[in-house]
Protein backbone atom coordinates (compact mmCIF):
# COMPACT_ATOMS: atom_id res chain seq x y z
CA MET A 1 84.09 67.98 -15.66
CA GLU A 2 81.59 65.32 -14.81
CA HIS A 3 78.57 66.63 -12.75
CA ASN A 4 77.07 63.13 -11.71
CA ILE A 5 73.62 64.57 -12.26
CA ASP A 6 70.76 62.07 -12.52
CA TRP A 7 69.03 63.79 -15.61
CA ASP A 8 65.90 61.70 -14.94
CA TYR A 9 65.44 63.83 -11.73
CA PHE A 10 63.83 66.31 -14.20
CA PRO A 11 60.58 65.69 -15.99
CA GLU A 12 60.30 65.56 -19.66
CA PRO A 13 61.49 67.36 -21.64
CA TYR A 14 64.11 68.77 -19.27
CA ASN A 15 65.77 65.33 -18.66
CA GLN A 16 66.67 65.40 -22.54
CA GLU A 17 67.22 69.11 -23.03
CA LEU A 18 69.46 69.99 -20.11
CA PRO A 19 72.24 67.49 -21.03
CA PHE A 20 71.93 68.32 -24.60
CA TYR A 21 72.09 72.18 -24.34
CA ILE A 22 74.74 71.88 -21.48
CA GLY A 23 76.90 69.76 -23.72
CA LYS A 24 76.48 72.30 -26.67
CA ALA A 25 77.37 75.13 -24.36
CA PHE A 26 80.67 73.36 -23.28
CA GLN A 27 81.55 73.12 -26.96
CA ARG A 28 81.03 76.89 -27.58
CA LEU A 29 82.39 78.56 -24.42
CA SER A 30 85.75 79.98 -23.61
CA PRO A 31 87.79 78.12 -20.96
CA GLU A 32 86.61 80.88 -18.46
CA GLY A 33 83.06 80.43 -19.57
CA VAL A 34 83.25 76.66 -19.04
CA GLU A 35 84.61 77.26 -15.49
CA VAL A 36 81.85 79.57 -14.64
CA LEU A 37 79.12 77.26 -16.23
CA ASN A 38 80.58 74.35 -14.16
CA GLU A 39 80.23 76.22 -10.98
CA VAL A 40 76.71 77.43 -11.83
CA ILE A 41 75.68 73.82 -12.47
CA VAL A 42 77.01 72.46 -9.33
CA LEU A 43 75.69 75.21 -7.08
CA ALA A 44 72.24 74.98 -8.78
CA HIS A 45 72.04 71.12 -8.48
CA LYS A 46 73.36 71.01 -4.96
CA GLY A 47 71.09 73.87 -3.89
CA ALA A 48 67.94 72.50 -5.45
CA THR A 49 68.49 68.84 -4.28
CA GLY A 50 69.25 69.87 -0.64
CA GLN A 51 72.90 69.10 -0.71
CA ASP A 52 75.43 71.09 1.14
CA LEU A 53 77.04 73.85 -0.82
CA PRO A 54 80.79 73.97 -1.08
CA GLU A 55 82.19 76.47 1.51
CA ALA A 56 84.01 78.38 -1.08
CA ALA A 57 80.74 78.80 -3.15
CA ASP A 58 79.96 82.43 -3.45
CA PRO A 59 77.05 83.33 -5.82
CA ALA A 60 78.17 86.98 -5.87
CA ASP A 61 81.53 85.99 -6.94
CA ILE A 62 80.09 83.92 -9.80
CA GLY A 63 77.94 86.87 -10.76
CA THR A 64 80.90 89.00 -10.97
CA ARG A 65 82.90 86.52 -13.01
CA LEU A 66 79.89 85.96 -15.16
CA GLY A 67 79.83 89.78 -15.91
CA GLY A 68 83.55 89.62 -16.90
CA LEU A 69 83.00 86.91 -19.53
CA PRO A 70 82.76 87.76 -23.23
CA GLU A 71 79.18 88.68 -24.23
CA GLU A 72 78.59 85.44 -26.11
CA ASP A 73 79.72 83.37 -22.88
CA SER A 74 77.68 85.40 -20.76
CA THR A 75 74.57 84.86 -22.84
CA VAL A 76 75.06 81.12 -23.06
CA VAL A 77 75.59 80.79 -19.29
CA TRP A 78 72.42 82.97 -18.55
CA LYS A 79 70.31 80.69 -21.00
CA ILE A 80 71.46 77.55 -19.50
CA THR A 81 70.87 79.03 -15.96
CA GLY A 82 67.35 79.95 -17.15
CA LEU A 83 66.79 76.40 -18.43
CA MET A 84 68.00 74.96 -15.19
CA GLU A 85 65.61 77.18 -13.31
CA ALA A 86 62.65 75.97 -15.41
CA ALA A 87 63.75 72.46 -15.04
CA PHE A 88 63.96 72.63 -11.30
CA SER A 89 60.64 74.44 -11.01
CA ALA A 90 58.98 71.64 -13.01
CA SER A 91 60.57 69.06 -10.93
CA MET A 92 59.29 70.69 -7.80
CA GLU A 93 55.77 71.10 -9.30
CA LYS A 94 55.82 67.40 -10.34
CA GLN A 95 56.80 66.39 -6.80
CA ARG A 96 54.03 68.51 -5.34
CA GLY A 97 51.55 66.86 -7.51
CA GLU A 98 52.76 63.41 -6.47
CA MET A 99 52.49 64.33 -2.91
CA ASP A 100 48.98 65.74 -3.42
CA LEU A 101 48.09 62.26 -5.09
CA LEU A 102 49.65 60.39 -2.12
CA ARG A 103 47.69 62.46 0.30
CA GLN A 104 44.49 61.90 -1.62
CA ALA A 105 45.20 58.07 -1.73
CA GLN A 106 45.87 58.14 1.96
CA ARG A 107 42.44 59.94 2.46
CA ILE A 108 40.74 57.25 0.32
CA VAL A 109 42.42 54.34 2.34
CA ASP A 110 41.46 56.17 5.75
CA ARG A 111 37.68 56.46 4.54
CA ALA A 112 37.57 52.81 3.42
CA ARG A 113 38.93 51.87 6.85
CA GLU A 114 36.30 54.06 8.60
CA LEU A 115 33.65 52.15 6.69
CA ASP A 116 35.22 48.72 7.34
CA PRO A 117 37.65 48.74 10.15
CA THR A 118 38.73 45.10 9.33
CA LEU A 119 40.47 46.24 6.22
CA ASP A 120 44.28 46.27 6.10
CA PRO A 121 45.78 49.79 6.50
CA ASP A 122 48.37 48.86 3.97
CA MET A 123 45.78 47.66 1.33
CA PRO A 124 46.40 48.82 -2.27
CA LEU A 125 44.41 51.84 -3.26
CA GLU A 126 42.38 49.69 -5.62
CA GLU A 127 41.11 47.78 -2.70
CA ALA A 128 40.17 50.92 -0.87
CA VAL A 129 38.25 52.15 -3.88
CA ALA A 130 36.37 48.97 -4.16
CA ALA A 131 35.53 49.00 -0.33
CA LEU A 132 34.10 52.54 -0.92
CA LYS A 133 31.89 51.27 -3.92
CA ARG A 134 30.74 48.32 -1.72
CA HIS A 135 29.53 51.01 0.67
CA GLY A 136 27.88 53.19 -1.94
CA GLU A 137 30.56 55.82 -1.95
CA THR A 138 32.83 57.11 -4.63
CA ALA A 139 36.55 57.71 -4.29
CA GLY A 140 36.60 60.84 -6.39
CA ILE A 141 39.72 59.50 -8.32
CA SER A 142 39.86 58.80 -11.91
CA ASP A 143 40.99 55.39 -13.39
CA GLU A 144 43.96 57.09 -15.00
CA VAL A 145 45.16 58.31 -11.53
CA LEU A 146 44.58 54.74 -10.15
CA GLU A 147 46.93 53.52 -12.85
CA MET A 148 49.78 55.95 -12.28
CA GLU A 149 52.99 54.82 -10.75
CA ILE A 150 54.21 57.24 -8.23
CA GLU A 151 57.69 56.70 -6.73
CA VAL A 152 57.72 57.23 -2.91
CA PRO A 153 61.10 58.56 -1.83
CA ALA A 154 62.94 56.64 0.94
CA THR A 155 63.01 58.33 4.18
CA ASP A 156 66.42 57.00 5.44
């Protein structure tokens, strides 16, 4: 079953580990274990990325079916579930950090414009930092952060 998951959604090392361990799991599981793991993957991915869950999706049913699997299958599915949970948590933490950086960058631009209202509100962050320095203020942001590339999600 193809899951159409963009593994790069997850930060390292999860973007490599998830497809690797899921692939290994599919090689080891019984057909019933494969079916349950497929459902777990689909539900976890759709739920974590804000997609609508299938109407037939019933986590309690999956839990019941998981309990009916051979012990080795159940263990493998639980381990993959735990890895997926850690990957989604790491992804959310990364996104929170990026949002914090974006808010900090906006505060820097806003402060630079307070000091010099002629500045373009869409100026690059480096220009805002330079404007603060010209006025004897510091931005409170490191050179490493200034060099980071942060993807801003589209708001379609």
